[in-house]
Structure formats: C-alpha cells, structure tokens
Amino acid sequence: MAFLVRFALEGAAIPPVFLKNFLKSLPLVLPLRGLLYSGMGLYRVLWSHAGAPEMLRLFGIVAMETAVSSAVTYVAADGRYPRSVFIIGGLLNVALLGSVRLLLKLRHQLNRLRRAQHAQNRRVLIFGAGDAGALLARELIRHPELGFFVVGFLDDDVAKLGFQVAGKPVLGVRQELGEVAARYGATDLIVAVPQLNPRTLRELLDEGRKLGLKVRVLPSVYELVDGKVSISQVRDVQIEDLLGREEVKLDLEAVARYLTGEVVL
C-alpha cells in the first residue's frame, strides 16, 4: 500500500528493483514485526475497553517497530529503497491496526447501548457538563446493569448548549429543568458540580421535587480529594450539602460532661 501511495497514485510504475528488495526483506521483516508487537504487549490489550492511553501506546509500538524494520530492510536492500515508503507504511500501519481495534471497542459499546435501551432504566439528567459530570456519565453508560439511562446534561454555561459531553447532549440551562425533564421523560436528576453554591443546590432540590424527580448529588469538594468519580459516590442530598462549608463535628461526650449537673437556660 505504501508503494502504491508513493508511485502508482502519482501515475508512475513501481521500479522493479524496489519490488525485488521489498520481497527480499519480507522473510526478515514479518517475523521481526510479530516478535516486536508481541514483546511490547500489543496483543495483551483488551481493546473493547481501550481508550486514549492504549491508542497512544499503539502509536508508540508501531513507531518503534517501523524504525527497527526500516533499518533491517534498508540494510537488506543495500540502501536501494525509497525512505518515504517507510514513513508512509508506518502511518498506514497505525491507521489499519487502530481502526480494527476501534471497531472492537465500537461493537462493545453498541452492544452495551442496546442492552441499556432494552432495560427498564431510570432516565437521568445530569446537572453539570464539566469533568465530574462527564466522568459520571461515562460510568453510568459503562454499567447499564445498574438501571440508569443518561438522557443528557443541564449546565448554566450557555456556551456548552448543543454540544455533546461523553456522547450525551447538553440540553439546556438550569432554568429549563422542567421543560427538559418533561420532554425527555426524566425520572432522576444528579447534580455533578462538587463546588456548587448551596443556594443553587437548594433551588435544584426544590424544583426537582416539585417535578417528581429523584435528586441525587456527587459528594462535596471536600470528599472528592482523590479526584475520582464513581457511581458509588452518588447519594441523596444531605443537609450538610446545603451548608457551604465542612460539617462541624461536635464532641457530644465532652459537651455532656460540661453540662452535667448544670441548670441551662
């Protein structure tokens, strides 16, 4: 394919000496390529669950293999080999290896979405299309067995309207909660803004309850110290969430000792 890109698509014939050297190098390059891919762990990745780090790893492995194979081929061909073919071949290799593996991931995600759509799921709106909201949406999509289907996001940043986050649309701002919930049949609202103003959270809680929505929150910023978001952290709204500060823990035993035997007004 690299030779076709280099010569045939330009309307020129591939020089016979290059084809001869190409065939001459194959018995050396093909086993070497397989050994390098295997040794560097390309075949040990579960590609149905792969993401950006695995794709970067694929790019690095192919780049290293291309450098080694090119050196072997160049020596075997006594230098009579177009250097551009090495670069084009490496890029084509990344594209083909990556596309096959992305198809595996796509098939896995389509199967998951199909299961989620056929399940009797609660339809969830997420308030907050930031990092925490995106991580939460991906977690819910990844686990359809939990019975949640994310219909989309609400966010006060109007610049995000019409865009997608984690494959789900930003449907409106906070003031449009009632309209959006009715349009998409939402049953739940999850607030995914760890630093949300307590007054805003109270307004969302009141509005959600009026609409018959089950309102949940991600923990406050004090509890998200590890920077991770998981489904297990989603919980009902607590009074501490509305304080706007850390909860003060009273030492009830010390207070009791202080007041024992006293008359208190």
C-alpha atoms as a PDB file:
ATOM      1  CA  MET A   1       0.000   0.000   0.000  1.00  0.00           C
ATOM      2  CA  ALA A   2       2.857   2.365   0.777  1.00  0.00           C
ATOM      3  CA  PHE A   3       4.404   1.719  -2.641  1.00  0.00           C
ATOM      4  CA  LEU A   4       1.036   2.441  -4.280  1.00  0.00           C
ATOM      5  CA  VAL A   5       0.783   5.741  -2.448  1.00  0.00           C
ATOM      6  CA  ARG A   6       4.368   6.605  -3.314  1.00  0.00           C
ATOM      7  CA  PHE A   7       4.363   5.640  -7.009  1.00  0.00           C
ATOM      8  CA  ALA A   8       1.147   4.275  -8.528  1.00  0.00           C
ATOM      9  CA  LEU A   9      -1.120   7.103  -7.386  1.00  0.00           C
ATOM     10  CA  GLU A  10       1.332   9.524  -8.966  1.00  0.00           C
ATOM     11  CA  GLY A  11       0.928   7.700 -12.269  1.00  0.00           C
ATOM     12  CA  ALA A  12       4.379   6.163 -12.106  1.00  0.00           C
ATOM     13  CA  ALA A  13       5.269   2.480 -12.176  1.00  0.00           C
ATOM     14  CA  ILE A  14       6.917   0.932  -9.128  1.00  0.00           C
ATOM     15  CA  PRO A  15      10.576   0.333 -10.071  1.00  0.00           C
ATOM     16  CA  PRO A  16      11.297  -3.427 -10.263  1.00  0.00           C
ATOM     17  CA  VAL A  17      14.408  -3.116  -8.102  1.00  0.00           C
ATOM     18  CA  PHE A  18      12.314  -1.720  -5.236  1.00  0.00           C
ATOM     19  CA  LEU A  19       9.778  -4.551  -5.534  1.00  0.00           C
ATOM     20  CA  LYS A  20      12.591  -7.094  -5.613  1.00  0.00           C
ATOM     21  CA  ASN A  21      14.151  -5.623  -2.472  1.00  0.00           C
ATOM     22  CA  PHE A  22      10.727  -5.469  -0.820  1.00  0.00           C
ATOM     23  CA  LEU A  23      10.128  -9.201  -1.407  1.00  0.00           C
ATOM     24  CA  LYS A  24      13.687  -9.933  -0.325  1.00  0.00           C
ATOM     25  CA  SER A  25      13.137  -8.201   3.023  1.00  0.00           C
ATOM     26  CA  LEU A  26       9.762  -9.831   3.843  1.00  0.00           C
ATOM     27  CA  PRO A  27      11.182 -13.063   5.383  1.00  0.00           C
ATOM     28  CA  LEU A  28      13.140 -10.871   7.791  1.00  0.00           C
ATOM     29  CA  VAL A  29      10.598  -8.131   8.493  1.00  0.00           C
ATOM     30  CA  LEU A  30       7.411 -10.155   9.049  1.00  0.00           C
ATOM     31  CA  PRO A  31       8.722 -12.397  11.881  1.00  0.00           C
ATOM     32  CA  LEU A  32      10.523  -9.390  13.389  1.00  0.00           C
ATOM     33  CA  ARG A  33       7.300  -7.373  13.346  1.00  0.00           C
ATOM     34  CA  GLY A  34       5.343 -10.163  15.040  1.00  0.00           C
ATOM     35  CA  LEU A  35       8.018 -10.591  17.726  1.00  0.00           C
ATOM     36  CA  LEU A  36       8.169  -6.857  18.443  1.00  0.00           C
ATOM     37  CA  TYR A  37       4.390  -6.495  18.636  1.00  0.00           C
ATOM     38  CA  SER A  38       4.131  -9.497  20.930  1.00  0.00           C
ATOM     39  CA  GLY A  39       7.081  -8.487  23.097  1.00  0.00           C
ATOM     40  CA  MET A  40       5.801  -4.929  23.560  1.00  0.00           C
ATOM     41  CA  GLY A  41       2.357  -6.148  24.626  1.00  0.00           C
ATOM     42  CA  LEU A  42       0.237  -5.153  21.637  1.00  0.00           C
ATOM     43  CA  TYR A  43      -1.712  -8.423  21.805  1.00  0.00           C
ATOM     44  CA  ARG A  44      -2.303  -8.270  25.570  1.00  0.00           C
ATOM     45  CA  VAL A  45      -4.583  -5.206  25.494  1.00  0.00           C
ATOM     46  CA  LEU A  46      -8.322  -5.769  25.901  1.00  0.00           C
ATOM     47  CA  TRP A  47      -9.295  -3.432  23.070  1.00  0.00           C
ATOM     48  CA  SER A  48     -13.030  -3.485  23.782  1.00  0.00           C
ATOM     49  CA  HIS A  49     -12.198  -1.448  26.907  1.00  0.00           C
ATOM     50  CA  ALA A  50      -9.349   0.591  25.425  1.00  0.00           C
ATOM     51  CA  GLY A  51      -9.095   4.379  25.476  1.00  0.00           C
ATOM     52  CA  ALA A  52      -6.682   7.152  24.569  1.00  0.00           C
ATOM     53  CA  PRO A  53      -3.710   5.714  26.573  1.00  0.00           C
ATOM     54  CA  GLU A  54      -3.959   2.405  24.702  1.00  0.00           C
ATOM     55  CA  MET A  55      -4.100   4.194  21.335  1.00  0.00           C
ATOM     56  CA  LEU A  56      -1.011   6.232  22.248  1.00  0.00           C
ATOM     57  CA  ARG A  57       0.678   3.001  23.247  1.00  0.00           C
ATOM     58  CA  LEU A  58      -0.250   1.513  19.860  1.00  0.00           C
ATOM     59  CA  PHE A  59       1.267   4.532  18.118  1.00  0.00           C
ATOM     60  CA  GLY A  60       4.487   4.186  20.127  1.00  0.00           C
ATOM     61  CA  ILE A  61       4.781   0.447  19.440  1.00  0.00           C
ATOM     62  CA  VAL A  62       4.274   0.913  15.691  1.00  0.00           C
ATOM     63  CA  ALA A  63       6.756   3.799  15.612  1.00  0.00           C
ATOM     64  CA  MET A  64       9.411   1.660  17.309  1.00  0.00           C
ATOM     65  CA  GLU A  65       8.677  -1.332  15.080  1.00  0.00           C
ATOM     66  CA  THR A  66       8.803   0.866  11.959  1.00  0.00           C
ATOM     67  CA  ALA A  67      12.219   2.209  12.935  1.00  0.00           C
ATOM     68  CA  VAL A  68      13.654  -1.280  13.530  1.00  0.00           C
ATOM     69  CA  SER A  69      12.055  -2.842  10.426  1.00  0.00           C
ATOM     70  CA  SER A  70      13.155   0.081   8.259  1.00  0.00           C
ATOM     71  CA  ALA A  71      16.758  -0.326   9.386  1.00  0.00           C
ATOM     72  CA  VAL A  72      16.674  -4.070   8.653  1.00  0.00           C
ATOM     73  CA  THR A  73      15.042  -3.524   5.248  1.00  0.00           C
ATOM     74  CA  TYR A  74      17.444  -0.743   4.300  1.00  0.00           C
ATOM     75  CA  VAL A  75      20.458  -2.903   5.125  1.00  0.00           C
ATOM     76  CA  ALA A  76      18.993  -5.944   3.325  1.00  0.00           C
ATOM     77  CA  ALA A  77      18.323  -3.781   0.246  1.00  0.00           C
ATOM     78  CA  ASP A  78      21.837  -2.279   0.253  1.00  0.00           C
ATOM     79  CA  GLY A  79      20.297   1.177   0.521  1.00  0.00           C
ATOM     80  CA  ARG A  80      18.237   0.813  -2.664  1.00  0.00           C
ATOM     81  CA  TYR A  81      14.866   1.509  -1.098  1.00  0.00           C
ATOM     82  CA  PRO A  82      12.737   4.693  -1.018  1.00  0.00           C
ATOM     83  CA  ARG A  83      12.847   6.142   2.503  1.00  0.00           C
ATOM     84  CA  SER A  84       9.415   7.739   2.076  1.00  0.00           C
ATOM     85  CA  VAL A  85       7.868   4.248   1.837  1.00  0.00           C
ATOM     86  CA  PHE A  86       8.980   3.556   5.428  1.00  0.00           C
ATOM     87  CA  ILE A  87       7.156   6.641   6.716  1.00  0.00           C
ATOM     88  CA  ILE A  88       4.026   6.047   4.629  1.00  0.00           C
ATOM     89  CA  GLY A  89       3.993   2.373   5.633  1.00  0.00           C
ATOM     90  CA  GLY A  90       4.256   3.236   9.314  1.00  0.00           C
ATOM     91  CA  LEU A  91       1.341   5.675   9.106  1.00  0.00           C
ATOM     92  CA  LEU A  92      -0.771   3.132   7.221  1.00  0.00           C
ATOM     93  CA  ASN A  93       0.125   0.530   9.823  1.00  0.00           C
ATOM     94  CA  VAL A  94      -1.111   2.784  12.641  1.00  0.00           C
ATOM     95  CA  ALA A  95      -4.306   3.534  10.726  1.00  0.00           C
ATOM     96  CA  LEU A  96      -5.110  -0.119   9.975  1.00  0.00           C
ATOM     97  CA  LEU A  97      -4.181  -1.526  13.384  1.00  0.00           C
ATOM     98  CA  GLY A  98      -6.006   1.313  15.135  1.00  0.00           C
ATOM     99  CA  SER A  99      -9.171   1.098  13.032  1.00  0.00           C
ATOM    100  CA  VAL A 100      -9.566  -2.651  13.597  1.00  0.00           C
ATOM    101  CA  ARG A 101      -9.212  -2.186  17.346  1.00  0.00           C
ATOM    102  CA  LEU A 102     -11.556   0.794  17.398  1.00  0.00           C
ATOM    103  CA  LEU A 103     -14.165  -1.356  15.647  1.00  0.00           C
ATOM    104  CA  LEU A 104     -13.870  -3.868  18.508  1.00  0.00           C
ATOM    105  CA  LYS A 105     -14.461  -1.073  21.024  1.00  0.00           C
ATOM    106  CA  LEU A 106     -17.355   0.309  18.963  1.00  0.00           C
ATOM    107  CA  ARG A 107     -19.017  -3.114  18.792  1.00  0.00           C
ATOM    108  CA  HIS A 108     -18.677  -3.474  22.566  1.00  0.00           C
ATOM    109  CA  GLN A 109     -20.234  -0.061  23.185  1.00  0.00           C
ATOM    110  CA  LEU A 110     -23.077  -0.656  20.713  1.00  0.00           C
ATOM    111  CA  ASN A 111     -23.934  -3.919  22.472  1.00  0.00           C
ATOM    112  CA  ARG A 112     -23.921  -2.085  25.804  1.00  0.00           C
ATOM    113  CA  LEU A 113     -26.184   0.666  24.465  1.00  0.00           C
ATOM    114  CA  ARG A 114     -28.553  -1.930  23.023  1.00  0.00           C
ATOM    115  CA  ARG A 115     -28.810  -3.631  26.415  1.00  0.00           C
ATOM    116  CA  ALA A 116     -29.369  -0.290  28.127  1.00  0.00           C
ATOM    117  CA  GLN A 117     -32.160   0.716  25.747  1.00  0.00           C
ATOM    118  CA  HIS A 118     -33.999  -2.584  26.241  1.00  0.00           C
ATOM    119  CA  ALA A 119     -33.710  -2.457  30.035  1.00  0.00           C
ATOM    120  CA  GLN A 120     -36.296  -0.777  32.245  1.00  0.00           C
ATOM    121  CA  ASN A 121     -33.994   2.093  33.192  1.00  0.00           C
ATOM    122  CA  ARG A 122     -34.486   5.272  35.156  1.00  0.00           C
ATOM    123  CA  ARG A 123     -33.883   8.222  32.851  1.00  0.00           C
ATOM    124  CA  VAL A 124     -31.237  10.516  34.298  1.00  0.00           C
ATOM    125  CA  LEU A 125     -30.456  14.181  33.729  1.00  0.00           C
ATOM    126  CA  ILE A 126     -27.027  15.317  34.925  1.00  0.00           C
ATOM    127  CA  PHE A 127     -26.595  18.906  36.053  1.00  0.00           C
ATOM    128  CA  GLY A 128     -23.026  19.932  35.289  1.00  0.00           C
ATOM    129  CA  ALA A 129     -21.343  19.187  31.977  1.00  0.00           C
ATOM    130  CA  GLY A 130     -17.826  19.561  33.396  1.00  0.00           C
ATOM    131  CA  ASP A 131     -15.182  16.969  34.225  1.00  0.00           C
ATOM    132  CA  ALA A 132     -17.138  15.391  37.086  1.00  0.00           C
ATOM    133  CA  GLY A 133     -20.329  15.196  35.019  1.00  0.00           C
ATOM    134  CA  ALA A 134     -18.513  13.649  32.058  1.00  0.00           C
ATOM    135  CA  LEU A 135     -16.855  11.018  34.258  1.00  0.00           C
ATOM    136  CA  LEU A 136     -20.176  10.213  35.912  1.00  0.00           C
ATOM    137  CA  ALA A 137     -21.958   9.889  32.550  1.00  0.00           C
ATOM    138  CA  ARG A 138     -19.297   7.525  31.229  1.00  0.00           C
ATOM    139  CA  GLU A 139     -19.555   5.454  34.410  1.00  0.00           C
ATOM    140  CA  LEU A 140     -23.341   5.174  34.109  1.00  0.00           C
ATOM    141  CA  ILE A 141     -23.105   4.313  30.396  1.00  0.00           C
ATOM    142  CA  ARG A 142     -20.445   1.708  31.159  1.00  0.00           C
ATOM    143  CA  HIS A 143     -22.735  -0.044  33.661  1.00  0.00           C
ATOM    144  CA  PRO A 144     -26.238  -0.393  32.159  1.00  0.00           C
ATOM    145  CA  GLU A 145     -26.953  -3.189  34.624  1.00  0.00           C
ATOM    146  CA  LEU A 146     -27.421  -0.514  37.307  1.00  0.00           C
ATOM    147  CA  GLY A 147     -30.638   0.582  35.632  1.00  0.00           C
ATOM    148  CA  PHE A 148     -29.790   4.185  34.670  1.00  0.00           C
ATOM    149  CA  PHE A 149     -30.031   5.717  31.205  1.00  0.00           C
ATOM    150  CA  VAL A 150     -28.416   9.153  30.766  1.00  0.00           C
ATOM    151  CA  VAL A 151     -30.612  11.344  28.551  1.00  0.00           C
ATOM    152  CA  GLY A 152     -28.323  14.387  28.664  1.00  0.00           C
ATOM    153  CA  PHE A 153     -26.939  17.326  30.614  1.00  0.00           C
ATOM    154  CA  LEU A 154     -28.056  20.638  32.008  1.00  0.00           C
ATOM    155  CA  ASP A 155     -25.463  23.357  32.528  1.00  0.00           C
ATOM    156  CA  ASP A 156     -25.521  27.070  33.326  1.00  0.00           C
ATOM    157  CA  ASP A 157     -22.770  27.682  30.746  1.00  0.00           C
ATOM    158  CA  VAL A 158     -24.751  28.581  27.611  1.00  0.00           C
ATOM    159  CA  ALA A 159     -21.606  28.103  25.502  1.00  0.00           C
ATOM    160  CA  LYS A 160     -21.994  24.331  26.029  1.00  0.00           C
ATOM    161  CA  LEU A 161     -25.563  24.162  24.710  1.00  0.00           C
ATOM    162  CA  GLY A 162     -25.915  21.995  21.623  1.00  0.00           C
ATOM    163  CA  PHE A 163     -22.593  20.246  22.211  1.00  0.00           C
ATOM    164  CA  GLN A 164     -22.072  16.693  23.414  1.00  0.00           C
ATOM    165  CA  VAL A 165     -20.220  15.539  26.520  1.00  0.00           C
ATOM    166  CA  ALA A 166     -19.388  11.823  26.868  1.00  0.00           C
ATOM    167  CA  GLY A 167     -21.656  11.231  23.862  1.00  0.00           C
ATOM    168  CA  LYS A 168     -24.680  12.878  25.510  1.00  0.00           C
ATOM    169  CA  PRO A 169     -26.139  16.301  24.536  1.00  0.00           C
ATOM    170  CA  VAL A 170     -26.211  19.419  26.689  1.00  0.00           C
ATOM    171  CA  LEU A 171     -29.958  20.041  26.560  1.00  0.00           C
ATOM    172  CA  GLY A 172     -30.470  23.280  28.444  1.00  0.00           C
ATOM    173  CA  VAL A 173     -29.692  25.517  31.400  1.00  0.00           C
ATOM    174  CA  ARG A 174     -30.872  25.132  34.980  1.00  0.00           C
ATOM    175  CA  GLN A 175     -33.991  27.272  34.463  1.00  0.00           C
ATOM    176  CA  GLU A 176     -35.164  24.827  31.749  1.00  0.00           C
ATOM    177  CA  LEU A 177     -35.165  21.808  34.077  1.00  0.00           C
ATOM    178  CA  GLY A 178     -38.941  21.361  33.974  1.00  0.00           C
ATOM    179  CA  GLU A 179     -39.187  21.645  30.203  1.00  0.00           C
ATOM    180  CA  VAL A 180     -36.243  19.323  29.519  1.00  0.00           C
ATOM    181  CA  ALA A 181     -37.347  16.751  32.110  1.00  0.00           C
ATOM    182  CA  ALA A 182     -40.845  16.612  30.570  1.00  0.00           C
ATOM    183  CA  ARG A 183     -39.552  16.418  27.006  1.00  0.00           C
ATOM    184  CA  TYR A 184     -37.180  13.527  27.695  1.00  0.00           C
ATOM    185  CA  GLY A 185     -39.177  11.737  30.392  1.00  0.00           C
ATOM    186  CA  ALA A 186     -36.501  12.169  33.061  1.00  0.00           C
ATOM    187  CA  THR A 187     -37.072  10.444  36.391  1.00  0.00           C
ATOM    188  CA  ASP A 188     -33.821  11.395  38.145  1.00  0.00           C
ATOM    189  CA  LEU A 189     -31.563  14.424  38.473  1.00  0.00           C
ATOM    190  CA  ILE A 190     -27.945  14.015  39.549  1.00  0.00           C
ATOM    191  CA  VAL A 191     -26.033  17.158  40.496  1.00  0.00           C
ATOM    192  CA  ALA A 192     -22.421  16.690  39.363  1.00  0.00           C
ATOM    193  CA  VAL A 193     -20.875  20.018  40.390  1.00  0.00           C
ATOM    194  CA  PRO A 194     -18.835  19.365  43.553  1.00  0.00           C
ATOM    195  CA  GLN A 195     -18.350  23.108  44.263  1.00  0.00           C
ATOM    196  CA  LEU A 196     -21.939  24.113  43.580  1.00  0.00           C
ATOM    197  CA  ASN A 197     -23.296  27.054  45.568  1.00  0.00           C
ATOM    198  CA  PRO A 198     -25.569  25.713  48.378  1.00  0.00           C
ATOM    199  CA  ARG A 199     -28.315  28.156  47.353  1.00  0.00           C
ATOM    200  CA  THR A 200     -28.283  26.824  43.781  1.00  0.00           C
ATOM    201  CA  LEU A 201     -28.317  23.255  45.073  1.00  0.00           C
ATOM    202  CA  ARG A 202     -31.311  24.094  47.276  1.00  0.00           C
ATOM    203  CA  GLU A 203     -33.146  25.570  44.281  1.00  0.00           C
ATOM    204  CA  LEU A 204     -32.422  22.465  42.192  1.00  0.00           C
ATOM    205  CA  LEU A 205     -33.568  20.234  45.039  1.00  0.00           C
ATOM    206  CA  ASP A 206     -36.842  22.139  45.460  1.00  0.00           C
ATOM    207  CA  GLU A 207     -37.537  22.306  41.722  1.00  0.00           C
ATOM    208  CA  GLY A 208     -36.675  18.636  41.219  1.00  0.00           C
ATOM    209  CA  ARG A 209     -39.005  17.558  44.000  1.00  0.00           C
ATOM    210  CA  LYS A 210     -41.828  19.653  42.553  1.00  0.00           C
ATOM    211  CA  LEU A 211     -41.331  17.843  39.230  1.00  0.00           C
ATOM    212  CA  GLY A 212     -41.314  14.452  40.915  1.00  0.00           C
ATOM    213  CA  LEU A 213     -37.616  13.827  40.195  1.00  0.00           C
ATOM    214  CA  LYS A 214     -35.347  11.825  42.454  1.00  0.00           C
ATOM    215  CA  VAL A 215     -32.498  14.275  43.185  1.00  0.00           C
ATOM    216  CA  ARG A 216     -29.030  12.978  43.994  1.00  0.00           C
ATOM    217  CA  VAL A 217     -25.618  14.626  44.294  1.00  0.00           C
ATOM    218  CA  LEU A 218     -21.970  13.838  43.922  1.00  0.00           C
ATOM    219  CA  PRO A 219     -20.092  14.478  47.171  1.00  0.00           C
ATOM    220  CA  SER A 220     -18.830  17.927  48.083  1.00  0.00           C
ATOM    221  CA  VAL A 221     -15.373  19.051  47.047  1.00  0.00           C
ATOM    222  CA  TYR A 222     -14.070  18.078  50.491  1.00  0.00           C
ATOM    223  CA  GLU A 223     -14.951  14.441  49.832  1.00  0.00           C
ATOM    224  CA  LEU A 224     -13.582  14.313  46.267  1.00  0.00           C
ATOM    225  CA  VAL A 225      -9.972  14.723  47.378  1.00  0.00           C
ATOM    226  CA  ASP A 226      -8.785  11.843  45.192  1.00  0.00           C
ATOM    227  CA  GLY A 227     -10.156  13.481  42.038  1.00  0.00           C
ATOM    228  CA  LYS A 228     -12.094  10.380  41.048  1.00  0.00           C
ATOM    229  CA  VAL A 229     -15.799   9.978  40.398  1.00  0.00           C
ATOM    230  CA  SER A 230     -17.712   6.709  40.650  1.00  0.00           C
ATOM    231  CA  ILE A 231     -21.304   5.591  40.834  1.00  0.00           C
ATOM    232  CA  SER A 232     -20.844   4.569  44.468  1.00  0.00           C
ATOM    233  CA  GLN A 233     -20.268   8.224  45.393  1.00  0.00           C
ATOM    234  CA  VAL A 234     -23.677   9.355  44.119  1.00  0.00           C
ATOM    235  CA  ARG A 235     -26.054   9.755  47.067  1.00  0.00           C
ATOM    236  CA  ASP A 236     -29.149  11.581  48.241  1.00  0.00           C
ATOM    237  CA  VAL A 237     -28.903  15.266  49.141  1.00  0.00           C
ATOM    238  CA  GLN A 238     -27.971  15.749  52.802  1.00  0.00           C
ATOM    239  CA  ILE A 239     -28.322  18.798  54.988  1.00  0.00           C
ATOM    240  CA  GLU A 240     -24.521  19.168  55.041  1.00  0.00           C
ATOM    241  CA  ASP A 241     -24.547  19.782  51.276  1.00  0.00           C
ATOM    242  CA  LEU A 242     -26.528  22.987  51.840  1.00  0.00           C
ATOM    243  CA  LEU A 243     -24.131  24.477  54.425  1.00  0.00           C
ATOM    244  CA  GLY A 244     -21.484  25.744  52.017  1.00  0.00           C
ATOM    245  CA  ARG A 245     -18.728  24.615  54.375  1.00  0.00           C
ATOM    246  CA  GLU A 246     -17.427  21.493  56.114  1.00  0.00           C
ATOM    247  CA  GLU A 247     -19.711  19.976  58.716  1.00  0.00           C
ATOM    248  CA  VAL A 248     -18.700  20.765  62.310  1.00  0.00           C
ATOM    249  CA  LYS A 249     -18.395  17.533  64.265  1.00  0.00           C
ATOM    250  CA  LEU A 250     -19.407  18.012  67.892  1.00  0.00           C
ATOM    251  CA  ASP A 251     -17.798  16.018  70.699  1.00  0.00           C
ATOM    252  CA  LEU A 252     -21.055  15.083  72.391  1.00  0.00           C
ATOM    253  CA  GLU A 253     -19.357  13.324  75.298  1.00  0.00           C
ATOM    254  CA  ALA A 254     -17.325  16.426  76.146  1.00  0.00           C
ATOM    255  CA  VAL A 255     -20.448  18.584  75.907  1.00  0.00           C
ATOM    256  CA  ALA A 256     -22.328  16.189  78.184  1.00  0.00           C
ATOM    257  CA  ARG A 257     -19.545  16.293  80.784  1.00  0.00           C
ATOM    258  CA  TYR A 258     -19.533  20.093  80.644  1.00  0.00           C
ATOM    259  CA  LEU A 259     -23.309  20.329  81.206  1.00  0.00           C
ATOM    260  CA  THR A 260     -23.728  17.524  83.770  1.00  0.00           C
ATOM    261  CA  GLY A 261     -25.284  18.899  86.963  1.00  0.00           C
ATOM    262  CA  GLU A 262     -25.825  22.373  85.489  1.00  0.00           C
ATOM    263  CA  VAL A 263     -29.078  24.311  85.033  1.00  0.00           C
ATOM    264  CA  VAL A 264     -29.185  25.573  81.437  1.00  0.00           C
ATOM    265  CA  LEU A 265     -31.209  28.499  80.109  1.00  0.00           C
END
